[in-house]
């Protein structure tokens, strides 16, 4: 899945670089297309970083060991701190056309 996310990013940069600077509507809609891939990438990084906790949780439920609250609480804390804290609403400055112009051209 990381390959396809990177491919989508590459296609976005290619498409963005081919858009006319005067086509504001096309550029605005193109920016919106990359957001789901970015969020999926963040989620996959989170899963990779917390894979050991996921395995422990999976084993806990497979063995019916419901008393292991420490692992569950640790995982929920990481979801809150590491994953949910990264998600943001679109920002006027970071999601602007001029920002993406700078990213693509530099």
PDB file of N, CA and C in Angstrom:
ATOM      1  N   UNK A   1       0.817  -1.192   0.000  1.00  0.00           N
ATOM      2  CA  UNK A   1       0.000   0.000   0.000  1.00  0.00           C
ATOM      3  C   UNK A   1       0.866   1.263   0.000  1.00  0.00           C
ATOM      4  N   UNK A   2       2.043   1.184   0.605  1.00  0.00           N
ATOM      5  CA  UNK A   2       2.940   2.345   0.587  1.00  0.00           C
ATOM      6  C   UNK A   2       3.355   2.688  -0.848  1.00  0.00           C
ATOM      7  N   UNK A   3       3.528   1.667  -1.664  1.00  0.00           N
ATOM      8  CA  UNK A   3       3.879   1.900  -3.065  1.00  0.00           C
ATOM      9  C   UNK A   3       2.795   2.719  -3.753  1.00  0.00           C
ATOM     10  N   UNK A   4       1.538   2.355  -3.543  1.00  0.00           N
ATOM     11  CA  UNK A   4       0.432   3.048  -4.196  1.00  0.00           C
ATOM     12  C   UNK A   4       0.254   4.463  -3.652  1.00  0.00           C
ATOM     13  N   UNK A   5       0.523   4.651  -2.383  1.00  0.00           N
ATOM     14  CA  UNK A   5       0.458   6.003  -1.823  1.00  0.00           C
ATOM     15  C   UNK A   5       1.543   6.872  -2.453  1.00  0.00           C
ATOM     16  N   UNK A   6       2.745   6.334  -2.554  1.00  0.00           N
ATOM     17  CA  UNK A   6       3.832   7.095  -3.178  1.00  0.00           C
ATOM     18  C   UNK A   6       3.524   7.367  -4.644  1.00  0.00           C
ATOM     19  N   UNK A   7       2.954   6.387  -5.324  1.00  0.00           N
ATOM     20  CA  UNK A   7       2.564   6.576  -6.724  1.00  0.00           C
ATOM     21  C   UNK A   7       1.527   7.696  -6.841  1.00  0.00           C
ATOM     22  N   UNK A   8       0.544   7.715  -5.949  1.00  0.00           N
ATOM     23  CA  UNK A   8      -0.480   8.767  -5.964  1.00  0.00           C
ATOM     24  C   UNK A   8       0.151  10.135  -5.710  1.00  0.00           C
ATOM     25  N   UNK A   9       1.109  10.192  -4.789  1.00  0.00           N
ATOM     26  CA  UNK A   9       1.794  11.464  -4.527  1.00  0.00           C
ATOM     27  C   UNK A   9       2.563  11.923  -5.764  1.00  0.00           C
ATOM     28  N   UNK A  10       3.266  10.992  -6.396  1.00  0.00           N
ATOM     29  CA  UNK A  10       4.017  11.340  -7.601  1.00  0.00           C
ATOM     30  C   UNK A  10       3.089  11.842  -8.701  1.00  0.00           C
ATOM     31  N   UNK A  11       1.949  11.165  -8.863  1.00  0.00           N
ATOM     32  CA  UNK A  11       0.971  11.593  -9.867  1.00  0.00           C
ATOM     33  C   UNK A  11       0.402  12.963  -9.529  1.00  0.00           C
ATOM     34  N   UNK A  12       0.176  13.208  -8.248  1.00  0.00           N
ATOM     35  CA  UNK A  12      -0.314  14.517  -7.821  1.00  0.00           C
ATOM     36  C   UNK A  12       0.688  15.602  -8.196  1.00  0.00           C
ATOM     37  N   UNK A  13       1.967  15.393  -7.863  1.00  0.00           N
ATOM     38  CA  UNK A  13       2.979  16.400  -8.173  1.00  0.00           C
ATOM     39  C   UNK A  13       3.090  16.626  -9.678  1.00  0.00           C
ATOM     40  N   UNK A  14       3.015  15.557 -10.441  1.00  0.00           N
ATOM     41  CA  UNK A  14       3.070  15.686 -11.895  1.00  0.00           C
ATOM     42  C   UNK A  14       1.874  16.481 -12.408  1.00  0.00           C
ATOM     43  N   UNK A  15       0.684  16.107 -11.960  1.00  0.00           N
ATOM     44  CA  UNK A  15      -0.535  16.799 -12.389  1.00  0.00           C
ATOM     45  C   UNK A  15      -0.504  18.263 -11.951  1.00  0.00           C
ATOM     46  N   UNK A  16      -0.054  18.504 -10.734  1.00  0.00           N
ATOM     47  CA  UNK A  16       0.001  19.870 -10.206  1.00  0.00           C
ATOM     48  C   UNK A  16       0.949  20.735 -11.041  1.00  0.00           C
ATOM     49  N   UNK A  17       2.089  20.181 -11.392  1.00  0.00           N
ATOM     50  CA  UNK A  17       3.075  20.962 -12.145  1.00  0.00           C
ATOM     51  C   UNK A  17       2.590  21.285 -13.555  1.00  0.00           C
ATOM     52  N   UNK A  18       1.615  20.524 -14.061  1.00  0.00           N
ATOM     53  CA  UNK A  18       1.097  20.763 -15.407  1.00  0.00           C
ATOM     54  C   UNK A  18      -0.103  21.700 -15.432  1.00  0.00           C
ATOM     55  N   UNK A  19      -0.648  22.022 -14.267  1.00  0.00           N
ATOM     56  CA  UNK A  19      -1.798  22.924 -14.216  1.00  0.00           C
ATOM     57  C   UNK A  19      -1.361  24.365 -14.449  1.00  0.00           C
ATOM     58  N   UNK A  20      -2.202  25.102 -15.127  1.00  0.00           N
ATOM     59  CA  UNK A  20      -1.939  26.516 -15.353  1.00  0.00           C
ATOM     60  C   UNK A  20      -2.099  27.287 -14.049  1.00  0.00           C
ATOM     61  N   UNK A  21      -1.241  28.265 -13.851  1.00  0.00           N
ATOM     62  CA  UNK A  21      -1.345  29.097 -12.652  1.00  0.00           C
ATOM     63  C   UNK A  21      -2.647  29.892 -12.636  1.00  0.00           C
ATOM     64  N   UNK A  22      -3.272  30.059 -13.784  1.00  0.00           N
ATOM     65  CA  UNK A  22      -4.517  30.818 -13.863  1.00  0.00           C
ATOM     66  C   UNK A  22      -5.742  29.962 -13.568  1.00  0.00           C
ATOM     67  N   UNK A  23      -5.579  28.649 -13.561  1.00  0.00           N
ATOM     68  CA  UNK A  23      -6.698  27.732 -13.339  1.00  0.00           C
ATOM     69  C   UNK A  23      -6.867  27.474 -11.839  1.00  0.00           C
ATOM     70  N   UNK A  24      -7.403  28.446 -11.136  1.00  0.00           N
ATOM     71  CA  UNK A  24      -7.509  28.344  -9.677  1.00  0.00           C
ATOM     72  C   UNK A  24      -8.458  27.229  -9.251  1.00  0.00           C
ATOM     73  N   UNK A  25      -9.581  27.064  -9.950  1.00  0.00           N
ATOM     74  CA  UNK A  25     -10.537  26.014  -9.583  1.00  0.00           C
ATOM     75  C   UNK A  25      -9.895  24.630  -9.739  1.00  0.00           C
ATOM     76  N   UNK A  26      -9.220  24.389 -10.836  1.00  0.00           N
ATOM     77  CA  UNK A  26      -8.566  23.100 -11.060  1.00  0.00           C
ATOM     78  C   UNK A  26      -7.495  22.817 -10.031  1.00  0.00           C
ATOM     79  N   UNK A  27      -6.786  23.832  -9.655  1.00  0.00           N
ATOM     80  CA  UNK A  27      -5.732  23.664  -8.657  1.00  0.00           C
ATOM     81  C   UNK A  27      -6.323  23.388  -7.279  1.00  0.00           C
ATOM     82  N   UNK A  28      -7.414  24.066  -6.967  1.00  0.00           N
ATOM     83  CA  UNK A  28      -8.058  23.860  -5.663  1.00  0.00           C
ATOM     84  C   UNK A  28      -8.611  22.431  -5.550  1.00  0.00           C
ATOM     85  N   UNK A  29      -9.240  21.936  -6.608  1.00  0.00           N
ATOM     86  CA  UNK A  29      -9.782  20.570  -6.558  1.00  0.00           C
ATOM     87  C   UNK A  29      -8.665  19.533  -6.551  1.00  0.00           C
ATOM     88  N   UNK A  30      -7.552  19.833  -7.196  1.00  0.00           N
ATOM     89  CA  UNK A  30      -6.416  18.907  -7.197  1.00  0.00           C
ATOM     90  C   UNK A  30      -5.820  18.781  -5.800  1.00  0.00           C
ATOM     91  N   UNK A  31      -5.756  19.877  -5.071  1.00  0.00           N
ATOM     92  CA  UNK A  31      -5.255  19.830  -3.691  1.00  0.00           C
ATOM     93  C   UNK A  31      -6.112  18.890  -2.853  1.00  0.00           C
ATOM     94  N   UNK A  32      -7.424  18.945  -3.068  1.00  0.00           N
ATOM     95  CA  UNK A  32      -8.334  18.120  -2.276  1.00  0.00           C
ATOM     96  C   UNK A  32      -8.147  16.633  -2.555  1.00  0.00           C
ATOM     97  N   UNK A  33      -7.641  16.277  -3.727  1.00  0.00           N
ATOM     98  CA  UNK A  33      -7.467  14.868  -4.084  1.00  0.00           C
ATOM     99  C   UNK A  33      -6.350  14.189  -3.298  1.00  0.00           C
ATOM    100  N   UNK A  34      -5.356  14.937  -2.861  1.00  0.00           N
ATOM    101  CA  UNK A  34      -4.212  14.323  -2.186  1.00  0.00           C
ATOM    102  C   UNK A  34      -4.482  14.053  -0.708  1.00  0.00           C
ATOM    103  N   UNK A  35      -5.441  14.712  -0.119  1.00  0.00           N
ATOM    104  CA  UNK A  35      -5.686  14.586   1.322  1.00  0.00           C
ATOM    105  C   UNK A  35      -5.965  13.153   1.776  1.00  0.00           C
ATOM    106  N   UNK A  36      -6.835  12.381   1.098  1.00  0.00           N
ATOM    107  CA  UNK A  36      -7.071  11.002   1.570  1.00  0.00           C
ATOM    108  C   UNK A  36      -5.805  10.141   1.569  1.00  0.00           C
ATOM    109  N   UNK A  37      -4.930  10.356   0.588  1.00  0.00           N
ATOM    110  CA  UNK A  37      -3.694   9.582   0.544  1.00  0.00           C
ATOM    111  C   UNK A  37      -2.770   9.964   1.694  1.00  0.00           C
ATOM    112  N   UNK A  38      -2.732  11.230   2.002  1.00  0.00           N
ATOM    113  CA  UNK A  38      -1.907  11.694   3.117  1.00  0.00           C
ATOM    114  C   UNK A  38      -2.406  11.101   4.435  1.00  0.00           C
ATOM    115  N   UNK A  39      -3.721  11.104   4.633  1.00  0.00           N
ATOM    116  CA  UNK A  39      -4.279  10.547   5.865  1.00  0.00           C
ATOM    117  C   UNK A  39      -4.050   9.040   5.952  1.00  0.00           C
ATOM    118  N   UNK A  40      -4.172   8.341   4.830  1.00  0.00           N
ATOM    119  CA  UNK A  40      -3.901   6.907   4.817  1.00  0.00           C
ATOM    120  C   UNK A  40      -2.438   6.645   5.146  1.00  0.00           C
ATOM    121  N   UNK A  41      -1.555   7.456   4.618  1.00  0.00           N
ATOM    122  CA  UNK A  41      -0.135   7.310   4.917  1.00  0.00           C
ATOM    123  C   UNK A  41       0.132   7.512   6.408  1.00  0.00           C
ATOM    124  N   UNK A  42      -0.492   8.507   7.018  1.00  0.00           N
ATOM    125  CA  UNK A  42      -0.345   8.725   8.459  1.00  0.00           C
ATOM    126  C   UNK A  42      -0.841   7.519   9.245  1.00  0.00           C
ATOM    127  N   UNK A  43      -1.955   6.960   8.829  1.00  0.00           N
ATOM    128  CA  UNK A  43      -2.515   5.799   9.520  1.00  0.00           C
ATOM    129  C   UNK A  43      -1.577   4.600   9.414  1.00  0.00           C
ATOM    130  N   UNK A  44      -1.026   4.356   8.241  1.00  0.00           N
ATOM    131  CA  UNK A  44      -0.114   3.223   8.062  1.00  0.00           C
ATOM    132  C   UNK A  44       1.159   3.387   8.888  1.00  0.00           C
ATOM    133  N   UNK A  45       1.668   4.589   8.979  1.00  0.00           N
ATOM    134  CA  UNK A  45       2.846   4.842   9.819  1.00  0.00           C
ATOM    135  C   UNK A  45       2.512   4.557  11.277  1.00  0.00           C
ATOM    136  N   UNK A  46       1.334   4.981  11.711  1.00  0.00           N
ATOM    137  CA  UNK A  46       0.908   4.719  13.082  1.00  0.00           C
ATOM    138  C   UNK A  46       0.823   3.215  13.342  1.00  0.00           C
ATOM    139  N   UNK A  47       0.240   2.472  12.419  1.00  0.00           N
ATOM    140  CA  UNK A  47       0.120   1.017  12.578  1.00  0.00           C
ATOM    141  C   UNK A  47       1.502   0.377  12.645  1.00  0.00           C
ATOM    142  N   UNK A  48       2.410   0.801  11.772  1.00  0.00           N
ATOM    143  CA  UNK A  48       3.765   0.256  11.794  1.00  0.00           C
ATOM    144  C   UNK A  48       4.446   0.509  13.137  1.00  0.00           C
ATOM    145  N   UNK A  49       4.272   1.702  13.669  1.00  0.00           N
ATOM    146  CA  UNK A  49       4.928   2.054  14.924  1.00  0.00           C
ATOM    147  C   UNK A  49       4.314   1.341  16.123  1.00  0.00           C
ATOM    148  N   UNK A  50       3.078   0.908  16.017  1.00  0.00           N
ATOM    149  CA  UNK A  50       2.383   0.286  17.146  1.00  0.00           C
ATOM    150  C   UNK A  50       1.975  -1.155  16.859  1.00  0.00           C
ATOM    151  N   UNK A  51       2.674  -1.788  15.955  1.00  0.00           N
ATOM    152  CA  UNK A  51       2.338  -3.155  15.575  1.00  0.00           C
ATOM    153  C   UNK A  51       2.447  -4.119  16.749  1.00  0.00           C
ATOM    154  N   UNK A  52       3.446  -3.934  17.588  1.00  0.00           N
ATOM    155  CA  UNK A  52       3.599  -4.842  18.738  1.00  0.00           C
ATOM    156  C   UNK A  52       2.400  -4.748  19.675  1.00  0.00           C
ATOM    157  N   UNK A  53       1.853  -3.554  19.877  1.00  0.00           N
ATOM    158  CA  UNK A  53       0.662  -3.421  20.723  1.00  0.00           C
ATOM    159  C   UNK A  53      -0.553  -4.074  20.074  1.00  0.00           C
ATOM    160  N   UNK A  54      -0.662  -3.934  18.771  1.00  0.00           N
ATOM    161  CA  UNK A  54      -1.779  -4.575  18.067  1.00  0.00           C
ATOM    162  C   UNK A  54      -1.717  -6.087  18.192  1.00  0.00           C
ATOM    163  N   UNK A  55      -0.515  -6.630  18.101  1.00  0.00           N
ATOM    164  CA  UNK A  55      -0.356  -8.088  18.243  1.00  0.00           C
ATOM    165  C   UNK A  55      -0.739  -8.534  19.656  1.00  0.00           C
ATOM    166  N   UNK A  56      -0.333  -7.768  20.649  1.00  0.00           N
ATOM    167  CA  UNK A  56      -0.693  -8.109  22.032  1.00  0.00           C
ATOM    168  C   UNK A  56      -2.204  -8.059  22.211  1.00  0.00           C
ATOM    169  N   UNK A  57      -2.825  -7.014  21.673  1.00  0.00           N
ATOM    170  CA  UNK A  57      -4.287  -6.901  21.778  1.00  0.00           C
ATOM    171  C   UNK A  57      -4.990  -8.043  21.059  1.00  0.00           C
ATOM    172  N   UNK A  58      -4.470  -8.402  19.896  1.00  0.00           N
ATOM    173  CA  UNK A  58      -5.062  -9.511  19.150  1.00  0.00           C
ATOM    174  C   UNK A  58      -4.960 -10.808  19.949  1.00  0.00           C
ATOM    175  N   UNK A  59      -3.793 -11.074  20.514  1.00  0.00           N
ATOM    176  CA  UNK A  59      -3.616 -12.281  21.328  1.00  0.00           C
ATOM    177  C   UNK A  59      -4.509 -12.263  22.557  1.00  0.00           C
ATOM    178  N   UNK A  60      -4.670 -11.087  23.125  1.00  0.00           N
ATOM    179  CA  UNK A  60      -5.530 -10.963  24.305  1.00  0.00           C
ATOM    180  C   UNK A  60      -6.960 -11.384  23.982  1.00  0.00           C
ATOM    181  N   UNK A  61      -7.456 -10.951  22.857  1.00  0.00           N
ATOM    182  CA  UNK A  61      -8.829 -11.307  22.501  1.00  0.00           C
ATOM    183  C   UNK A  61      -8.947 -12.747  22.014  1.00  0.00           C
ATOM    184  N   UNK A  62      -7.895 -13.247  21.385  1.00  0.00           N
ATOM    185  CA  UNK A  62      -7.926 -14.642  20.940  1.00  0.00           C
ATOM    186  C   UNK A  62      -7.884 -15.605  22.117  1.00  0.00           C
ATOM    187  N   UNK A  63      -7.186 -15.214  23.172  1.00  0.00           N
ATOM    188  CA  UNK A  63      -7.077 -16.087  24.348  1.00  0.00           C
ATOM    189  C   UNK A  63      -8.093 -15.745  25.428  1.00  0.00           C
ATOM    190  N   UNK A  64      -8.958 -14.794  25.134  1.00  0.00           N
ATOM    191  CA  UNK A  64     -10.000 -14.378  26.082  1.00  0.00           C
ATOM    192  C   UNK A  64      -9.424 -13.814  27.374  1.00  0.00           C
ATOM    193  N   UNK A  65      -8.280 -13.194  27.280  1.00  0.00           N
ATOM    194  CA  UNK A  65      -7.654 -12.576  28.444  1.00  0.00           C
ATOM    195  C   UNK A  65      -8.108 -11.117  28.528  1.00  0.00           C
ATOM    196  N   UNK A  66      -9.309 -10.905  28.971  1.00  0.00           N
ATOM    197  CA  UNK A  66      -9.904  -9.571  29.011  1.00  0.00           C
ATOM    198  C   UNK A  66      -9.374  -8.723  30.168  1.00  0.00           C
ATOM    199  N   UNK A  67      -8.609  -9.313  31.060  1.00  0.00           N
ATOM    200  CA  UNK A  67      -8.139  -8.586  32.239  1.00  0.00           C
ATOM    201  C   UNK A  67      -6.912  -7.716  31.965  1.00  0.00           C
ATOM    202  N   UNK A  68      -6.369  -7.819  30.778  1.00  0.00           N
ATOM    203  CA  UNK A  68      -5.163  -7.054  30.452  1.00  0.00           C
ATOM    204  C   UNK A  68      -5.542  -5.622  30.064  1.00  0.00           C
ATOM    205  N   UNK A  69      -5.839  -4.821  31.051  1.00  0.00           N
ATOM    206  CA  UNK A  69      -6.273  -3.445  30.810  1.00  0.00           C
ATOM    207  C   UNK A  69      -5.100  -2.511  30.532  1.00  0.00           C
ATOM    208  N   UNK A  70      -3.929  -2.871  30.975  1.00  0.00           N
ATOM    209  CA  UNK A  70      -2.755  -2.019  30.781  1.00  0.00           C
ATOM    210  C   UNK A  70      -2.436  -1.876  29.296  1.00  0.00           C
ATOM    211  N   UNK A  71      -2.427  -2.994  28.577  1.00  0.00           N
ATOM    212  CA  UNK A  71      -2.133  -2.947  27.152  1.00  0.00           C
ATOM    213  C   UNK A  71      -3.194  -2.157  26.405  1.00  0.00           C
ATOM    214  N   UNK A  72      -4.445  -2.397  26.743  1.00  0.00           N
ATOM    215  CA  UNK A  72      -5.530  -1.674  26.083  1.00  0.00           C
ATOM    216  C   UNK A  72      -5.414  -0.172  26.323  1.00  0.00           C
ATOM    217  N   UNK A  73      -5.172   0.198  27.560  1.00  0.00           N
ATOM    218  CA  UNK A  73      -5.068   1.617  27.893  1.00  0.00           C
ATOM    219  C   UNK A  73      -3.872   2.269  27.201  1.00  0.00           C
ATOM    220  N   UNK A  74      -2.775   1.551  27.128  1.00  0.00           N
ATOM    221  CA  UNK A  74      -1.596   2.070  26.440  1.00  0.00           C
ATOM    222  C   UNK A  74      -1.890   2.290  24.961  1.00  0.00           C
ATOM    223  N   UNK A  75      -2.562   1.332  24.353  1.00  0.00           N
ATOM    224  CA  UNK A  75      -2.900   1.463  22.938  1.00  0.00           C
ATOM    225  C   UNK A  75      -3.857   2.632  22.706  1.00  0.00           C
ATOM    226  N   UNK A  76      -4.875   2.761  23.536  1.00  0.00           N
ATOM    227  CA  UNK A  76      -5.827   3.864  23.389  1.00  0.00           C
ATOM    228  C   UNK A  76      -5.146   5.215  23.599  1.00  0.00           C
ATOM    229  N   UNK A  77      -4.204   5.253  24.506  1.00  0.00           N
ATOM    230  CA  UNK A  77      -3.442   6.488  24.731  1.00  0.00           C
ATOM    231  C   UNK A  77      -2.629   6.848  23.497  1.00  0.00           C
ATOM    232  N   UNK A  78      -2.033   5.843  22.884  1.00  0.00           N
ATOM    233  CA  UNK A  78      -1.241   6.103  21.676  1.00  0.00           C
ATOM    234  C   UNK A  78      -2.117   6.535  20.510  1.00  0.00           C
ATOM    235  N   UNK A  79      -3.304   5.955  20.416  1.00  0.00           N
ATOM    236  CA  UNK A  79      -4.225   6.397  19.368  1.00  0.00           C
ATOM    237  C   UNK A  79      -4.520   7.881  19.555  1.00  0.00           C
ATOM    238  N   UNK A  80      -4.828   8.242  20.779  1.00  0.00           N
ATOM    239  CA  UNK A  80      -5.163   9.642  21.072  1.00  0.00           C
ATOM    240  C   UNK A  80      -3.976  10.565  20.827  1.00  0.00           C
ATOM    241  N   UNK A  81      -2.806  10.172  21.342  1.00  0.00           N
ATOM    242  CA  UNK A  81      -1.637  11.048  21.283  1.00  0.00           C
ATOM    243  C   UNK A  81      -0.975  11.056  19.908  1.00  0.00           C
ATOM    244  N   UNK A  82      -0.772   9.886  19.332  1.00  0.00           N
ATOM    245  CA  UNK A  82       0.022   9.789  18.115  1.00  0.00           C
ATOM    246  C   UNK A  82      -0.791   9.912  16.832  1.00  0.00           C
ATOM    247  N   UNK A  83      -1.989   9.390  16.826  1.00  0.00           N
ATOM    248  CA  UNK A  83      -2.748   9.362  15.576  1.00  0.00           C
ATOM    249  C   UNK A  83      -3.724  10.525  15.485  1.00  0.00           C
ATOM    250  N   UNK A  84      -4.593  10.644  16.444  1.00  0.00           N
ATOM    251  CA  UNK A  84      -5.632  11.672  16.364  1.00  0.00           C
ATOM    252  C   UNK A  84      -5.071  13.081  16.464  1.00  0.00           C
ATOM    253  N   UNK A  85      -3.967  13.239  17.176  1.00  0.00           N
ATOM    254  CA  UNK A  85      -3.391  14.579  17.295  1.00  0.00           C
ATOM    255  C   UNK A  85      -2.789  15.059  15.975  1.00  0.00           C
ATOM    256  N   UNK A  86      -2.483  14.141  15.057  1.00  0.00           N
ATOM    257  CA  UNK A  86      -1.920  14.529  13.766  1.00  0.00           C
ATOM    258  C   UNK A  86      -2.985  15.010  12.790  1.00  0.00           C
ATOM    259  N   UNK A  87      -4.196  14.538  12.950  1.00  0.00           N
ATOM    260  CA  UNK A  87      -5.238  14.891  11.994  1.00  0.00           C
ATOM    261  C   UNK A  87      -5.704  16.309  12.234  1.00  0.00           C
ATOM    262  N   UNK A  88      -5.804  17.040  11.154  1.00  0.00           N
ATOM    263  CA  UNK A  88      -6.184  18.439  11.255  1.00  0.00           C
ATOM    264  C   UNK A  88      -7.201  18.766  10.174  1.00  0.00           C
ATOM    265  N   UNK A  89      -7.944  19.799  10.432  1.00  0.00           N
ATOM    266  CA  UNK A  89      -8.822  20.330   9.400  1.00  0.00           C
ATOM    267  C   UNK A  89      -7.968  21.080   8.385  1.00  0.00           C
ATOM    268  N   UNK A  90      -8.468  21.254   7.166  1.00  0.00           N
ATOM    269  CA  UNK A  90      -7.690  22.015   6.182  1.00  0.00           C
ATOM    270  C   UNK A  90      -7.335  23.402   6.724  1.00  0.00           C
ATOM    271  N   UNK A  91      -6.131  23.796   6.478  1.00  0.00           N
ATOM    272  CA  UNK A  91      -5.625  25.063   6.978  1.00  0.00           C
ATOM    273  C   UNK A  91      -5.576  26.077   5.835  1.00  0.00           C
ATOM    274  N   UNK A  92      -5.945  27.296   6.125  1.00  0.00           N
ATOM    275  CA  UNK A  92      -5.968  28.342   5.104  1.00  0.00           C
ATOM    276  C   UNK A  92      -4.578  28.563   4.524  1.00  0.00           C
ATOM    277  N   UNK A  93      -3.560  28.483   5.362  1.00  0.00           N
ATOM    278  CA  UNK A  93      -2.199  28.741   4.895  1.00  0.00           C
ATOM    279  C   UNK A  93      -1.582  27.494   4.276  1.00  0.00           C
ATOM    280  N   UNK A  94      -1.619  26.358   5.002  1.00  0.00           N
ATOM    281  CA  UNK A  94      -0.954  25.146   4.514  1.00  0.00           C
ATOM    282  C   UNK A  94      -1.659  24.512   3.336  1.00  0.00           C
ATOM    283  N   UNK A  95      -2.952  24.738   3.169  1.00  0.00           N
ATOM    284  CA  UNK A  95      -3.688  24.119   2.071  1.00  0.00           C
ATOM    285  C   UNK A  95      -3.881  25.076   0.903  1.00  0.00           C
ATOM    286  N   UNK A  96      -3.193  26.183   0.922  1.00  0.00           N
ATOM    287  CA  UNK A  96      -3.385  27.169  -0.136  1.00  0.00           C
ATOM    288  C   UNK A  96      -2.631  26.769  -1.398  1.00  0.00           C
ATOM    289  N   UNK A  97      -3.052  27.349  -2.484  1.00  0.00           N
ATOM    290  CA  UNK A  97      -2.423  27.066  -3.775  1.00  0.00           C
ATOM    291  C   UNK A  97      -0.968  27.521  -3.773  1.00  0.00           C
ATOM    292  N   UNK A  98      -0.693  28.671  -3.205  1.00  0.00           N
ATOM    293  CA  UNK A  98       0.690  29.170  -3.208  1.00  0.00           C
ATOM    294  C   UNK A  98       1.618  28.263  -2.401  1.00  0.00           C
ATOM    295  N   UNK A  99       1.110  27.668  -1.331  1.00  0.00           N
ATOM    296  CA  UNK A  99       1.922  26.728  -0.549  1.00  0.00           C
ATOM    297  C   UNK A  99       2.300  25.521  -1.390  1.00  0.00           C
ATOM    298  N   UNK A 100       1.330  24.954  -2.108  1.00  0.00           N
ATOM    299  CA  UNK A 100       1.626  23.799  -2.944  1.00  0.00           C
ATOM    300  C   UNK A 100       2.522  24.175  -4.114  1.00  0.00           C
ATOM    301  N   UNK A 101       2.421  25.389  -4.620  1.00  0.00           N
ATOM    302  CA  UNK A 101       3.363  25.847  -5.639  1.00  0.00           C
ATOM    303  C   UNK A 101       4.784  25.792  -5.105  1.00  0.00           C
ATOM    304  N   UNK A 102       4.971  26.276  -3.875  1.00  0.00           N
ATOM    305  CA  UNK A 102       6.302  26.262  -3.266  1.00  0.00           C
ATOM    306  C   UNK A 102       6.807  24.840  -3.050  1.00  0.00           C
ATOM    307  N   UNK A 103       5.929  23.941  -2.620  1.00  0.00           N
ATOM    308  CA  UNK A 103       6.322  22.551  -2.370  1.00  0.00           C
ATOM    309  C   UNK A 103       6.758  21.869  -3.657  1.00  0.00           C
ATOM    310  N   UNK A 104       5.983  22.050  -4.711  1.00  0.00           N
ATOM    311  CA  UNK A 104       6.268  21.360  -5.970  1.00  0.00           C
ATOM    312  C   UNK A 104       7.499  21.944  -6.657  1.00  0.00           C
ATOM    313  N   UNK A 105       7.664  23.252  -6.603  1.00  0.00           N
ATOM    314  CA  UNK A 105       8.772  23.864  -7.333  1.00  0.00           C
ATOM    315  C   UNK A 105      10.094  23.808  -6.584  1.00  0.00           C
ATOM    316  N   UNK A 106      10.068  23.508  -5.300  1.00  0.00           N
ATOM    317  CA  UNK A 106      11.333  23.464  -4.537  1.00  0.00           C
ATOM    318  C   UNK A 106      11.790  22.069  -4.288  1.00  0.00           C
TER     319      UNK A 106
END
